[in-house]
């Protein structure tokens, strides 16, 4: 990453933390040598930036965004922010078949370095800030393909009010970022069992 890109990423992160009056909570130690998948409830296009800004510097440097191609690759500015500032991996938002899902996993595996972590939303699309949608299967297949990944649920509160759908200018509002305890895919765990367990881990952070 060029120093100019890193500087702009840090500016965006500071702006997100300032406007959100963000309260950061860690339910477990974040520093880790293991690769991680930070997954979160997606309600705003400010989600990923605020989550990134809440992490310690070392973890930020190893983190790559998983970004929806149909949104982040539609203008020069969006592409610059995603690709150059946050080293995003672009994926199509809605794979229609299992073959397309497996292709997405292969694409992720081929682009993520052996020491890098990733940030993604398993819901597959933005929610309304009140209800967590069922998780898509991609996160399960990714953990099958790369079992060394450790998963960390991150609950984001009030981001749908910070930058509502259709808005271009953030409006200051108190927000909360809660990092949960890490866990991994268990041996023999089915897709349905894993997705439900991962979803419940995120919901627990909302309730507590």
Protein backbone atom coordinates (compact mmCIF):
# COMPACT_ATOMS: atom_id res chain seq x y z
CA UNK A 1 0.00 0.00 0.00
CA UNK A 2 1.32 3.46 -0.88
CA UNK A 3 1.72 5.90 2.01
CA UNK A 4 -0.90 8.20 0.42
CA UNK A 5 -3.45 5.38 0.37
CA UNK A 6 -2.68 4.42 3.96
CA UNK A 7 -3.01 8.04 5.05
CA UNK A 8 -6.43 8.37 3.42
CA UNK A 9 -7.58 5.09 4.97
CA UNK A 10 -6.55 6.37 8.40
CA UNK A 11 -8.40 9.64 7.73
CA UNK A 12 -11.59 7.72 6.87
CA UNK A 13 -11.19 5.58 9.97
CA UNK A 14 -10.75 8.60 12.25
CA UNK A 15 -13.74 10.28 10.63
CA UNK A 16 -15.90 7.19 11.21
CA UNK A 17 -14.85 6.96 14.86
CA UNK A 18 -15.41 10.69 15.44
CA UNK A 19 -18.86 10.83 13.87
CA UNK A 20 -19.98 7.63 15.58
CA UNK A 21 -18.73 8.55 19.08
CA UNK A 22 -17.81 4.88 18.95
CA UNK A 23 -17.70 2.75 22.07
CA UNK A 24 -15.42 -0.23 21.47
CA UNK A 25 -15.82 -3.40 23.53
CA UNK A 26 -13.58 -6.48 23.42
CA UNK A 27 -14.95 -9.68 24.97
CA UNK A 28 -11.61 -11.42 24.37
CA UNK A 29 -8.00 -10.60 23.51
CA UNK A 30 -7.73 -9.40 19.91
CA UNK A 31 -3.96 -9.68 19.26
CA UNK A 32 -3.36 -13.09 17.71
CA UNK A 33 -0.94 -14.68 15.28
CA UNK A 34 -3.77 -16.67 13.73
CA UNK A 35 -5.60 -15.61 10.60
CA UNK A 36 -9.08 -14.42 11.34
CA UNK A 37 -12.43 -13.88 9.70
CA UNK A 38 -14.10 -10.87 11.29
CA UNK A 39 -17.79 -11.13 10.44
CA UNK A 40 -20.47 -8.58 11.28
CA UNK A 41 -24.09 -7.47 10.90
CA UNK A 42 -24.19 -5.31 7.78
CA UNK A 43 -26.48 -2.25 7.97
CA UNK A 44 -24.45 0.58 6.41
CA UNK A 45 -21.62 1.26 3.97
CA UNK A 46 -19.75 2.73 6.95
CA UNK A 47 -19.67 -0.67 8.70
CA UNK A 48 -16.37 -1.99 7.40
CA UNK A 49 -14.48 1.27 7.87
CA UNK A 50 -15.57 1.68 11.50
CA UNK A 51 -14.79 -1.95 12.32
CA UNK A 52 -11.36 -1.61 10.70
CA UNK A 53 -10.68 1.59 12.64
CA UNK A 54 -11.61 -0.10 15.93
CA UNK A 55 -8.89 -2.74 15.57
CA UNK A 56 -5.31 -2.37 16.82
CA UNK A 57 -2.83 -1.15 14.20
CA UNK A 58 -1.16 -4.54 13.66
CA UNK A 59 -4.49 -6.23 12.92
CA UNK A 60 -5.54 -3.40 10.59
CA UNK A 61 -2.43 -3.90 8.48
CA UNK A 62 -3.20 -7.62 8.00
CA UNK A 63 -6.90 -7.13 7.23
CA UNK A 64 -8.54 -7.26 3.80
CA UNK A 65 -12.15 -6.35 3.01
CA UNK A 66 -14.51 -8.59 1.06
CA UNK A 67 -16.54 -6.10 -0.99
CA UNK A 68 -19.60 -6.35 -3.22
CA UNK A 69 -18.41 -5.76 -6.77
CA UNK A 70 -21.76 -4.37 -7.93
CA UNK A 71 -21.42 -1.47 -5.47
CA UNK A 72 -17.73 -0.80 -4.83
CA UNK A 73 -16.56 -1.24 -8.42
CA UNK A 74 -19.05 1.18 -9.99
CA UNK A 75 -17.09 4.44 -9.74
CA UNK A 76 -13.48 5.54 -9.60
CA UNK A 77 -13.82 6.89 -6.04
CA UNK A 78 -15.50 3.77 -4.63
CA UNK A 79 -12.97 1.55 -6.39
CA UNK A 80 -10.09 3.60 -5.02
CA UNK A 81 -11.37 3.48 -1.44
CA UNK A 82 -12.08 -0.25 -1.53
CA UNK A 83 -9.15 -1.48 -3.59
CA UNK A 84 -6.31 0.89 -2.76
CA UNK A 85 -7.13 1.99 0.79
CA UNK A 86 -8.55 -1.25 2.21
CA UNK A 87 -7.14 -3.84 -0.24
CA UNK A 88 -10.62 -5.20 -0.98
CA UNK A 89 -11.36 -8.45 -2.75
CA UNK A 90 -14.34 -7.89 -5.05
CA UNK A 91 -17.01 -10.58 -5.23
CA UNK A 92 -20.38 -10.80 -6.93
CA UNK A 93 -23.05 -10.25 -4.29
CA UNK A 94 -25.51 -13.06 -5.02
CA UNK A 95 -24.10 -16.34 -6.38
CA UNK A 96 -26.99 -18.40 -7.74
CA UNK A 97 -25.58 -21.94 -7.65
CA UNK A 98 -23.29 -24.04 -5.46
CA UNK A 99 -20.75 -23.95 -8.26
CA UNK A 100 -20.69 -20.14 -8.18
CA UNK A 101 -20.31 -20.21 -4.38
CA UNK A 102 -17.37 -22.58 -4.68
CA UNK A 103 -15.83 -20.29 -7.28
CA UNK A 104 -16.12 -17.39 -4.84
CA UNK A 105 -14.37 -19.41 -2.15
CA UNK A 106 -11.59 -20.36 -4.57
CA UNK A 107 -11.21 -16.70 -5.54
CA UNK A 108 -10.90 -15.65 -1.90
CA UNK A 109 -8.44 -18.40 -1.07
CA UNK A 110 -6.25 -17.48 -4.05
CA UNK A 111 -6.11 -13.78 -3.11
CA UNK A 112 -5.73 -13.87 0.66
CA UNK A 113 -2.15 -14.17 1.86
CA UNK A 114 -1.03 -16.82 4.38
CA UNK A 115 -0.80 -14.22 7.18
CA UNK A 116 -3.82 -12.09 6.23
CA UNK A 117 -7.25 -11.85 7.83
CA UNK A 118 -10.51 -10.91 6.13
CA UNK A 119 -13.59 -8.87 6.95
CA UNK A 120 -16.98 -9.91 5.58
CA UNK A 121 -20.73 -9.89 6.11
CA UNK A 122 -22.28 -13.39 5.94
CA UNK A 123 -25.79 -11.98 5.44
CA UNK A 124 -24.87 -11.17 1.84
CA UNK A 125 -26.72 -7.85 1.77
CA UNK A 126 -27.43 -4.85 3.97
CA UNK A 127 -30.05 -5.23 6.70
CA UNK A 128 -32.34 -2.71 8.38
CA UNK A 129 -30.46 -2.55 11.66
CA UNK A 130 -33.17 -4.37 13.59
CA UNK A 131 -33.09 -7.99 12.43
CA UNK A 132 -30.20 -10.28 11.53
CA UNK A 133 -30.82 -12.18 8.29
CA UNK A 134 -29.90 -15.86 7.83
CA UNK A 135 -26.27 -16.37 6.88
CA UNK A 136 -25.17 -17.37 3.38
CA UNK A 137 -23.12 -20.54 2.96
CA UNK A 138 -19.92 -18.89 1.74
CA UNK A 139 -18.41 -18.43 5.20
CA UNK A 140 -18.85 -22.16 5.90
CA UNK A 141 -17.20 -23.24 2.65
CA UNK A 142 -14.38 -20.78 3.28
CA UNK A 143 -13.70 -22.30 6.69
CA UNK A 144 -13.78 -25.77 5.14
CA UNK A 145 -11.22 -24.73 2.55
CA UNK A 146 -9.04 -22.87 5.09
CA UNK A 147 -9.57 -24.53 8.51
CA UNK A 148 -6.79 -22.44 10.09
CA UNK A 149 -9.09 -19.40 10.05
CA UNK A 150 -10.35 -18.27 13.45
CA UNK A 151 -13.75 -16.53 13.42
CA UNK A 152 -14.53 -13.39 15.42
CA UNK A 153 -18.12 -12.09 15.53
CA UNK A 154 -18.45 -8.29 15.64
CA UNK A 155 -21.75 -6.63 16.48
CA UNK A 156 -22.24 -3.09 15.17
CA UNK A 157 -24.94 -0.98 16.81
CA UNK A 158 -26.61 2.08 15.25
CA UNK A 159 -24.60 2.12 12.01
CA UNK A 160 -27.87 2.19 10.04
CA UNK A 161 -28.48 5.60 11.59
CA UNK A 162 -24.94 6.89 11.05
CA UNK A 163 -25.13 6.41 7.29
CA UNK A 164 -28.67 5.38 6.27
CA UNK A 165 -29.38 3.67 2.99
CA UNK A 166 -29.29 6.22 0.16
CA UNK A 167 -27.44 8.83 2.24
CA UNK A 168 -24.10 10.27 1.10
CA UNK A 169 -23.24 12.34 4.17
CA UNK A 170 -22.88 10.65 7.60
CA UNK A 171 -24.76 12.16 10.51
CA UNK A 172 -23.25 12.01 14.02
CA UNK A 173 -24.87 9.37 16.22
CA UNK A 174 -23.52 7.22 19.09
CA UNK A 175 -22.50 3.74 17.90
CA UNK A 176 -21.09 0.62 19.52
CA UNK A 177 -18.62 -1.98 18.20
CA UNK A 178 -18.48 -5.26 20.14
CA UNK A 179 -15.85 -7.91 19.37
CA UNK A 180 -16.83 -11.37 20.54
CA UNK A 181 -14.77 -14.41 21.52
CA UNK A 182 -13.03 -16.26 18.67
CA UNK A 183 -14.09 -19.75 17.62
CA UNK A 184 -13.48 -22.20 14.78
CA UNK A 185 -15.30 -24.66 12.57
CA UNK A 186 -15.56 -27.94 14.47
CA UNK A 187 -14.59 -31.24 12.94
CA UNK A 188 -17.67 -32.91 11.47
CA UNK A 189 -19.87 -29.83 11.97
CA UNK A 190 -22.50 -29.55 9.23
CA UNK A 191 -23.18 -26.43 7.19
CA UNK A 192 -26.54 -25.82 8.88
CA UNK A 193 -25.10 -26.32 12.38
CA UNK A 194 -22.15 -24.04 11.75
CA UNK A 195 -24.16 -21.21 10.19
CA UNK A 196 -26.65 -21.26 13.05
CA UNK A 197 -23.88 -21.32 15.66
CA UNK A 198 -22.09 -18.40 13.98
CA UNK A 199 -25.33 -16.43 13.77
CA UNK A 200 -26.13 -17.05 17.46
CA UNK A 201 -22.63 -15.92 18.45
CA UNK A 202 -23.34 -12.58 16.80
CA UNK A 203 -26.83 -12.26 18.29
CA UNK A 204 -25.42 -12.87 21.77
CA UNK A 205 -23.32 -9.72 21.43
CA UNK A 206 -26.43 -7.71 20.60
CA UNK A 207 -28.26 -8.95 23.69
CA UNK A 208 -25.41 -8.45 26.16
